[in-house]
Amino acid sequence: MTDAPRLRTLLFSSLYPSSVRPGHGIFVETRLRELLSSDQVTTHVVAPVPWFPSQNPRWGEYARMASTPKRESRNGIDVLHPRYFLPPKVGMTLAPLSMALGALPAIRRLQAEGHDFDVIDAHYFYPDGVAAALLSRWLNKPFVITARGSDLNLLRHYALPRRMMQWAAAKASASIGVCAALVDVLRTWGLPESRLHVMRNGVDLQRFRPLPQAQMRKELDLAGSPILLSVGHLVELKGHRFLIEALATLQTTHPQARLVIVGEGPERSNLLALARRLGVDHRVTLTGALPNADLLRWYSAADLLLLASSREGWANVLLEAMACGTPVVATAVGGSPEVVADPVAGVLVEQASGTSFAAAIRHMLSEPIDRVAVRAYAENFGWSQTTGAQVALFKAVSLAVKKDG
């Protein structure tokens, strides 16, 4: 008896890591790696990158995009990075077509090499999902789109992108949301219930695990107690400023508290200025961006993980922290209520403010934290259920196309 042939997918997303941007879209790579571990799927990745003319480091992120290799292997996965033109001002409107046109030759090259596929697995609704809909038409292949957060939470408020996303969703064989809140948005577009699926992100329980807290604090040279940790880009929507305000409010009850913010972004100088103005700059540490694998030690060292976002899809940092035994305090947005669904995991605040976070932090610290119980809670969020659901969906989509053909 021969083994059944494995399903062939093409993962299509601009949110995928590269050797020069290893943390970019790592959640997409993680889900793919878990899918491939089922040994029921083979894949190639096409991860388009905006074209930029210079690799000079003074251009920052644009230079890193320009430095991205055209093709590379990451963790044994073949990844192509075709370029597409993203002009200023009108780029948001033209991005789906430009991305699809840029990716088409790379996909044709894969097919010519013998790497055909059964299903396009697209991640992020705009522009990626719309581009996937165009590629699906040109290549006569079915496609599935995964919504991940700001693509629906933010971009649907722009009329033209919303219409294009609705068109793509209507053409897709299925739409996936990484949390129920995102599927609720898709449901308002009148899509058939049979084509809507919740497939939450899991957490890598081997990578993220509890390490000795005291040892981690010593290794990271972290003084003070409690250690409060926030992980995310330094942008306004992440709400880091509220956590600095909360730290100032906590001075009366927790004068030795320290806030560590991991991430980089345009708000850095504003956050440092706020900390100085509130007199807590000596108790605020901004580490800059860190590789995902390095976060293990910081999560284990912390007493609480704080997430003050005004928008979220499915916040991976919450589960990563819990897997290390660290409970969380987060705003009740997006999929966070689905993650923080038990008091042992942490608490939610309805609206981010320094006052609300300070109160929630005090509440969490009023009783001893059971880090073993927090880890046990996180173990309910492994990848096996999502991986199985993906395999079943992709097989059903492929079979339906073969029957129709």
Protein backbone atom coordinates (compact mmCIF):
# COMPACT_ATOMS: atom_id res chain seq x y z
CA MET A 1 0.00 0.00 0.00
CA THR A 2 1.39 3.43 -0.92
CA ASP A 3 0.99 6.53 1.20
CA ALA A 4 -1.65 9.01 0.09
CA PRO A 5 -0.14 12.00 -1.76
CA ARG A 6 0.38 15.04 0.39
CA LEU A 7 -1.62 18.19 -0.24
CA ARG A 8 0.35 20.93 -1.99
CA THR A 9 -0.13 24.51 -0.83
CA LEU A 10 1.32 27.85 -1.82
CA LEU A 11 1.57 30.20 1.13
CA PHE A 12 1.17 33.75 -0.14
CA SER A 13 1.75 36.69 2.19
CA SER A 14 3.91 39.78 2.51
CA LEU A 15 3.88 39.00 6.25
CA TYR A 16 6.63 36.39 6.28
CA PRO A 17 10.11 36.53 7.81
CA SER A 18 13.33 36.76 5.84
CA SER A 19 17.01 36.57 6.70
CA VAL A 20 17.15 40.37 6.97
CA ARG A 21 13.78 40.76 8.76
CA PRO A 22 13.62 37.60 10.89
CA GLY A 23 10.85 38.85 13.17
CA HIS A 24 8.55 40.11 10.41
CA GLY A 25 5.34 38.07 10.36
CA ILE A 26 6.85 35.27 12.44
CA PHE A 27 3.33 34.21 13.47
CA VAL A 28 2.61 33.23 9.85
CA GLU A 29 5.80 31.20 9.66
CA THR A 30 5.02 29.51 12.98
CA ARG A 31 1.58 28.38 11.81
CA LEU A 32 3.08 27.06 8.58
CA ARG A 33 5.79 25.14 10.40
CA GLU A 34 3.17 23.53 12.62
CA LEU A 35 1.11 22.65 9.53
CA LEU A 36 4.10 21.04 7.85
CA SER A 37 4.82 19.01 10.98
CA SER A 38 1.59 17.10 10.25
CA ASP A 39 3.46 15.50 7.32
CA GLN A 40 0.27 15.81 5.27
CA VAL A 41 1.19 18.99 3.42
CA THR A 42 4.05 20.29 1.27
CA THR A 43 4.47 23.96 0.55
CA HIS A 44 6.43 26.76 -1.04
CA VAL A 45 6.20 30.36 0.11
CA VAL A 46 5.84 33.46 -2.03
CA ALA A 47 6.33 36.51 0.19
CA PRO A 48 6.30 39.72 -1.89
CA VAL A 49 8.42 42.67 -0.81
CA PRO A 50 7.94 46.29 -1.91
CA TRP A 51 10.61 47.41 -4.36
CA PHE A 52 13.06 50.04 -3.09
CA PRO A 53 16.12 51.31 -4.98
CA SER A 54 18.70 51.52 -2.20
CA GLN A 55 20.18 49.19 0.41
CA ASN A 56 21.90 52.07 2.21
CA PRO A 57 21.29 51.57 5.96
CA ARG A 58 20.23 55.19 6.33
CA TRP A 59 16.91 54.20 4.76
CA GLY A 60 16.13 51.91 7.69
CA GLU A 61 13.29 49.48 7.07
CA TYR A 62 13.18 50.33 3.36
CA ALA A 63 16.85 49.36 3.04
CA ARG A 64 16.18 46.06 4.78
CA MET A 65 13.37 45.34 2.33
CA ALA A 66 15.73 46.13 -0.55
CA SER A 67 18.31 43.77 0.96
CA THR A 68 15.87 40.85 1.12
CA PRO A 69 17.18 37.94 -1.00
CA LYS A 70 15.10 37.01 -4.03
CA ARG A 71 15.01 33.41 -2.83
CA GLU A 72 16.13 31.66 0.32
CA SER A 73 15.51 28.64 2.52
CA ARG A 74 14.17 29.24 6.04
CA ASN A 75 13.85 26.29 8.39
CA GLY A 76 13.89 24.00 5.36
CA ILE A 77 11.10 25.93 3.58
CA ASP A 78 11.65 27.38 0.11
CA VAL A 79 10.77 31.11 0.19
CA LEU A 80 10.62 33.47 -2.80
CA HIS A 81 10.55 37.23 -2.31
CA PRO A 82 9.42 38.82 -5.59
CA ARG A 83 9.36 42.61 -5.74
CA TYR A 84 6.32 44.74 -6.44
CA PHE A 85 6.01 48.46 -7.01
CA LEU A 86 4.33 50.43 -4.22
CA PRO A 87 4.14 54.09 -5.31
CA PRO A 88 3.63 56.80 -2.68
CA LYS A 89 0.18 58.31 -2.09
CA VAL A 90 -1.69 55.92 -4.40
CA GLY A 91 0.12 52.81 -3.18
CA MET A 92 -2.66 51.71 -0.85
CA THR A 93 -5.13 51.55 -3.75
CA LEU A 94 -2.80 49.95 -6.30
CA ALA A 95 -1.07 47.53 -3.91
CA PRO A 96 -3.23 44.42 -4.60
CA LEU A 97 -2.78 44.57 -8.39
CA SER A 98 0.89 45.51 -8.14
CA MET A 99 1.54 42.70 -5.64
CA ALA A 100 -0.23 40.13 -7.82
CA LEU A 101 1.63 41.22 -10.98
CA GLY A 102 4.95 41.12 -9.14
CA ALA A 103 4.30 37.67 -7.71
CA LEU A 104 2.98 36.00 -10.87
CA PRO A 105 6.38 35.37 -12.56
CA ALA A 106 7.75 33.84 -9.34
CA ILE A 107 4.79 31.49 -9.09
CA ARG A 108 5.10 30.55 -12.76
CA ARG A 109 8.78 29.78 -12.09
CA LEU A 110 7.82 27.43 -9.26
CA GLN A 111 5.36 25.64 -11.49
CA ALA A 112 7.95 25.33 -14.25
CA GLU A 113 10.31 23.74 -11.71
CA GLY A 114 7.66 21.12 -10.97
CA HIS A 115 6.31 22.73 -7.81
CA ASP A 116 2.63 23.04 -8.67
CA PHE A 117 0.06 23.44 -5.91
CA ASP A 118 -3.55 22.68 -5.07
CA VAL A 119 -4.52 25.66 -2.89
CA ILE A 120 -3.31 29.23 -2.33
CA ASP A 121 -3.04 29.85 1.43
CA ALA A 122 -3.14 33.67 1.70
CA HIS A 123 -2.55 35.58 4.92
CA TYR A 124 -3.77 39.14 5.64
CA PHE A 125 -6.83 40.35 3.81
CA TYR A 126 -5.44 43.52 2.27
CA PRO A 127 -3.59 43.81 0.03
CA ASP A 128 -2.48 40.17 0.20
CA GLY A 129 -5.90 38.51 0.13
CA VAL A 130 -7.09 40.67 -2.76
CA ALA A 131 -3.87 39.93 -4.66
CA ALA A 132 -4.45 36.22 -3.99
CA ALA A 133 -7.93 36.52 -5.51
CA LEU A 134 -6.40 37.94 -8.68
CA LEU A 135 -3.76 35.21 -8.78
CA SER A 136 -6.45 32.60 -8.23
CA ARG A 137 -8.27 33.84 -11.32
CA TRP A 138 -5.14 33.99 -13.48
CA LEU A 139 -3.82 30.60 -12.34
CA ASN A 140 -7.17 28.82 -12.01
CA LYS A 141 -6.43 27.76 -8.43
CA PRO A 142 -8.68 27.94 -5.34
CA PHE A 143 -7.62 30.17 -2.46
CA VAL A 144 -8.26 30.67 1.24
CA ILE A 145 -7.65 33.93 3.13
CA THR A 146 -6.72 34.27 6.80
CA ALA A 147 -7.64 37.54 8.53
CA ARG A 148 -5.18 38.49 11.24
CA GLY A 149 -6.27 41.74 12.87
CA SER A 150 -5.69 45.23 11.54
CA ASP A 151 -6.57 44.09 8.01
CA LEU A 152 -10.20 43.89 9.12
CA ASN A 153 -10.17 46.01 12.28
CA LEU A 154 -8.61 49.04 10.58
CA LEU A 155 -8.61 48.77 6.79
CA ARG A 156 -12.30 47.90 6.49
CA HIS A 157 -13.04 51.50 7.47
CA TYR A 158 -11.55 52.66 4.14
CA ALA A 159 -14.24 52.43 1.45
CA LEU A 160 -12.21 51.17 -1.50
CA PRO A 161 -10.09 48.60 0.39
CA ARG A 162 -13.28 47.36 2.07
CA ARG A 163 -15.00 46.82 -1.28
CA MET A 164 -11.96 44.99 -2.61
CA MET A 165 -11.76 42.81 0.50
CA GLN A 166 -15.46 41.99 0.22
CA TRP A 167 -14.94 41.02 -3.42
CA ALA A 168 -12.01 38.78 -2.51
CA ALA A 169 -13.93 37.17 0.37
CA ALA A 170 -16.82 36.40 -1.98
CA LYS A 171 -14.42 34.68 -4.40
CA ALA A 172 -12.48 32.75 -1.74
CA SER A 173 -13.25 29.10 -1.04
CA ALA A 174 -13.04 29.95 2.66
CA SER A 175 -12.13 32.79 5.01
CA ILE A 176 -10.36 32.18 8.31
CA GLY A 177 -10.17 34.44 11.34
CA VAL A 178 -7.54 33.91 14.03
CA CYS A 179 -10.23 34.82 16.56
CA ALA A 180 -14.02 34.80 16.67
CA ALA A 181 -14.13 38.61 16.69
CA LEU A 182 -12.62 38.73 13.19
CA VAL A 183 -15.04 36.12 11.87
CA ASP A 184 -17.86 38.26 13.28
CA VAL A 185 -16.67 41.07 10.97
CA LEU A 186 -16.64 38.74 7.98
CA ARG A 187 -20.12 37.56 8.90
CA THR A 188 -21.47 41.10 8.42
CA TRP A 189 -20.39 40.89 4.77
CA GLY A 190 -23.04 38.25 4.12
CA LEU A 191 -20.65 35.37 3.51
CA PRO A 192 -22.06 31.84 3.80
CA GLU A 193 -21.51 30.43 7.27
CA SER A 194 -20.02 27.27 5.75
CA ARG A 195 -17.11 29.34 4.40
CA LEU A 196 -16.25 31.02 7.70
CA HIS A 197 -13.77 29.39 10.08
CA VAL A 198 -12.14 30.33 13.38
CA MET A 199 -8.61 28.91 13.60
CA ARG A 200 -6.83 30.53 16.48
CA ASN A 201 -3.07 30.85 16.71
CA GLY A 202 -1.48 28.42 19.10
CA VAL A 203 1.67 28.84 21.13
CA ASP A 204 4.92 26.95 20.77
CA LEU A 205 5.00 25.19 24.13
CA GLN A 206 8.56 23.98 23.56
CA ARG A 207 10.02 27.38 22.73
CA PHE A 208 8.04 29.21 25.43
CA ARG A 209 8.36 27.48 28.78
CA PRO A 210 9.02 28.58 32.36
CA LEU A 211 12.61 29.31 33.29
CA PRO A 212 13.80 30.10 36.86
CA GLN A 213 12.62 33.65 37.49
CA ALA A 214 15.44 34.72 39.81
CA GLN A 215 18.08 33.36 37.45
CA MET A 216 16.55 35.16 34.47
CA ARG A 217 16.48 38.46 36.37
CA LYS A 218 20.14 38.03 37.25
CA GLU A 219 21.10 37.18 33.66
CA LEU A 220 19.14 40.16 32.31
CA ASP A 221 20.38 42.48 35.07
CA LEU A 222 16.85 43.39 36.10
CA ALA A 223 16.57 45.10 39.47
CA GLY A 224 13.32 46.00 41.19
CA SER A 225 10.05 44.27 41.91
CA PRO A 226 7.57 43.69 40.46
CA ILE A 227 8.92 43.46 36.91
CA LEU A 228 6.24 44.58 34.44
CA LEU A 229 6.79 43.68 30.81
CA SER A 230 5.27 45.04 27.59
CA VAL A 231 6.15 43.61 24.16
CA GLY A 232 5.18 45.31 20.92
CA HIS A 233 6.10 47.90 18.32
CA LEU A 234 6.52 51.39 19.72
CA VAL A 235 3.47 52.79 17.99
CA GLU A 236 0.53 54.66 19.44
CA LEU A 237 -2.04 51.87 19.11
CA LYS A 238 0.02 49.61 21.41
CA GLY A 239 -0.66 52.01 24.30
CA HIS A 240 2.78 51.85 25.93
CA ARG A 241 2.24 55.38 27.24
CA PHE A 242 -0.57 54.15 29.48
CA LEU A 243 1.81 51.67 31.08
CA ILE A 244 4.31 54.42 31.89
CA GLU A 245 1.44 56.39 33.43
CA ALA A 246 0.42 53.29 35.37
CA LEU A 247 3.97 52.90 36.68
CA ALA A 248 3.87 56.46 37.97
CA THR A 249 0.54 55.78 39.68
CA LEU A 250 1.99 52.66 41.33
CA GLN A 251 4.77 54.60 43.06
CA THR A 252 2.80 54.84 46.30
CA THR A 253 2.18 51.10 46.64
CA HIS A 254 4.99 49.56 44.58
CA PRO A 255 7.88 52.06 44.63
CA GLN A 256 10.38 49.48 43.32
CA ALA A 257 8.31 48.42 40.32
CA ARG A 258 10.12 48.39 36.97
CA LEU A 259 8.61 48.54 33.49
CA VAL A 260 10.44 46.88 30.60
CA ILE A 261 9.25 47.64 27.07
CA VAL A 262 10.52 45.37 24.29
CA GLY A 263 10.14 46.77 20.79
CA GLU A 264 11.18 49.54 18.46
CA GLY A 265 9.29 52.23 16.59
CA PRO A 266 8.52 55.91 16.09
CA GLU A 267 7.12 56.46 19.61
CA ARG A 268 10.42 55.74 21.34
CA SER A 269 11.44 59.35 21.99
CA ASN A 270 7.91 60.28 23.11
CA LEU A 271 7.83 57.41 25.59
CA LEU A 272 11.21 58.35 27.04
CA ALA A 273 10.10 61.97 27.36
CA LEU A 274 6.91 60.92 29.14
CA ALA A 275 8.86 58.77 31.58
CA ARG A 276 11.14 61.70 32.40
CA ARG A 277 8.21 64.06 32.82
CA LEU A 278 6.51 61.66 35.25
CA GLY A 279 9.72 61.05 37.17
CA VAL A 280 9.92 57.30 36.46
CA ASP A 281 12.58 57.24 33.74
CA HIS A 282 15.00 55.45 36.11
CA ARG A 283 12.48 52.60 36.36
CA VAL A 284 11.65 52.27 32.65
CA THR A 285 13.81 50.17 30.32
CA LEU A 286 13.40 50.18 26.54
CA THR A 287 15.33 47.22 25.16
CA GLY A 288 14.72 47.83 21.47
CA ALA A 289 13.56 45.02 19.21
CA LEU A 290 14.53 41.48 20.21
CA PRO A 291 14.36 38.18 18.31
CA ASN A 292 11.24 36.18 19.13
CA ALA A 293 13.30 33.31 20.55
CA ASP A 294 14.96 35.68 23.05
CA LEU A 295 11.64 36.68 24.59
CA LEU A 296 11.56 33.44 26.58
CA ARG A 297 13.93 34.85 29.22
CA TRP A 298 12.10 38.16 29.51
CA TYR A 299 8.71 36.51 29.92
CA SER A 300 10.13 34.20 32.59
CA ALA A 301 11.72 37.12 34.45
CA ALA A 302 8.54 39.20 34.55
CA ASP A 303 5.78 39.17 37.14
CA LEU A 304 3.16 40.40 34.66
CA LEU A 305 2.87 40.88 30.91
CA LEU A 306 0.96 44.06 30.01
CA LEU A 307 -0.81 44.73 26.72
CA ALA A 308 -2.53 48.11 26.39
CA SER A 309 -3.46 47.92 22.70
CA SER A 310 -6.46 49.77 21.34
CA ARG A 311 -6.78 47.12 18.58
CA GLU A 312 -5.69 43.50 18.34
CA GLY A 313 -6.50 40.42 16.34
CA TRP A 314 -5.03 37.52 18.25
CA ALA A 315 -2.19 38.77 20.47
CA ASN A 316 0.46 36.05 20.44
CA VAL A 317 2.42 37.75 23.22
CA LEU A 318 -0.33 36.91 25.71
CA LEU A 319 -0.02 33.17 25.14
CA GLU A 320 3.76 33.31 24.94
CA ALA A 321 3.92 34.95 28.36
CA MET A 322 1.40 32.51 29.86
CA ALA A 323 3.39 29.56 28.48
CA CYS A 324 6.32 30.90 30.53
CA GLY A 325 4.11 31.03 33.62
CA THR A 326 3.52 34.79 33.53
CA PRO A 327 -0.06 36.07 33.82
CA VAL A 328 -1.27 39.10 31.87
CA VAL A 329 -3.18 42.35 32.07
CA ALA A 330 -4.66 43.38 28.72
CA THR A 331 -7.31 45.57 27.18
CA ALA A 332 -10.49 43.71 26.23
CA VAL A 333 -10.14 44.16 22.47
CA GLY A 334 -10.14 41.78 19.50
CA GLY A 335 -9.39 38.21 20.46
CA SER A 336 -7.96 39.02 23.90
CA PRO A 337 -11.15 38.04 25.77
CA GLU A 338 -10.89 34.64 24.06
CA VAL A 339 -7.30 34.26 25.31
CA VAL A 340 -7.76 35.62 28.83
CA ALA A 341 -10.84 33.57 29.66
CA ASP A 342 -9.93 32.43 33.17
CA PRO A 343 -8.83 34.48 36.22
CA VAL A 344 -5.71 32.35 36.54
CA ALA A 345 -4.52 33.72 33.19
CA GLY A 346 -4.89 37.38 34.14
CA VAL A 347 -7.39 40.22 33.93
CA LEU A 348 -8.84 42.44 31.24
CA VAL A 349 -9.49 46.17 31.40
CA GLU A 350 -12.30 47.64 29.35
CA GLN A 351 -10.40 50.73 28.24
CA ALA A 352 -6.71 51.49 28.37
CA SER A 353 -5.61 54.23 30.75
CA GLY A 354 -2.89 54.63 33.32
CA THR A 355 -5.46 54.45 36.09
CA SER A 356 -7.18 51.31 34.82
CA PHE A 357 -3.92 49.45 34.31
CA ALA A 358 -2.57 50.50 37.70
CA ALA A 359 -5.73 49.16 39.37
CA ALA A 360 -5.55 45.88 37.45
CA ILE A 361 -1.86 45.46 38.28
CA ARG A 362 -2.55 46.01 41.98
CA HIS A 363 -5.34 43.46 41.81
CA MET A 364 -3.09 40.85 40.21
CA LEU A 365 -0.31 41.44 42.73
CA SER A 366 -2.64 41.34 45.76
CA GLU A 367 -2.44 37.52 45.80
CA PRO A 368 0.51 35.17 45.14
CA ILE A 369 0.84 34.27 41.45
CA ASP A 370 0.58 30.57 40.69
CA ARG A 371 2.96 30.32 37.74
CA VAL A 372 2.44 26.56 37.45
CA ALA A 373 -1.30 27.10 37.03
CA VAL A 374 -0.70 29.82 34.42
CA ARG A 375 1.47 27.46 32.41
CA ALA A 376 -1.15 24.72 32.69
CA TYR A 377 -3.76 27.15 31.31
CA ALA A 378 -1.51 27.99 28.34
CA GLU A 379 -1.15 24.30 27.53
CA ASN A 380 -4.77 24.37 26.33
CA PHE A 381 -3.62 26.53 23.41
CA GLY A 382 -1.34 24.17 21.54
CA TRP A 383 -1.32 23.98 17.74
CA SER A 384 -2.79 20.52 17.15
CA GLN A 385 -6.42 21.62 16.80
CA THR A 386 -5.62 24.43 14.35
CA THR A 387 -3.26 22.25 12.33
CA GLY A 388 -5.91 19.54 12.00
CA ALA A 389 -8.53 22.09 10.99
CA GLN A 390 -6.24 23.54 8.30
CA VAL A 391 -5.47 20.14 6.81
CA ALA A 392 -9.17 19.25 6.70
CA LEU A 393 -10.13 22.59 5.13
CA PHE A 394 -7.42 22.57 2.47
CA LYS A 395 -8.27 18.98 1.52
CA ALA A 396 -11.97 19.84 1.27
CA VAL A 397 -11.23 22.88 -0.92
CA SER A 398 -8.97 20.87 -3.20
CA LEU A 399 -11.47 18.01 -3.47
CA ALA A 400 -14.34 20.38 -4.27
CA VAL A 401 -12.36 21.89 -7.14
CA LYS A 402 -11.50 18.47 -8.54
CA LYS A 403 -15.17 17.44 -8.41
CA ASP A 404 -16.27 20.65 -10.13
CA GLY A 405 -13.58 20.14 -12.74
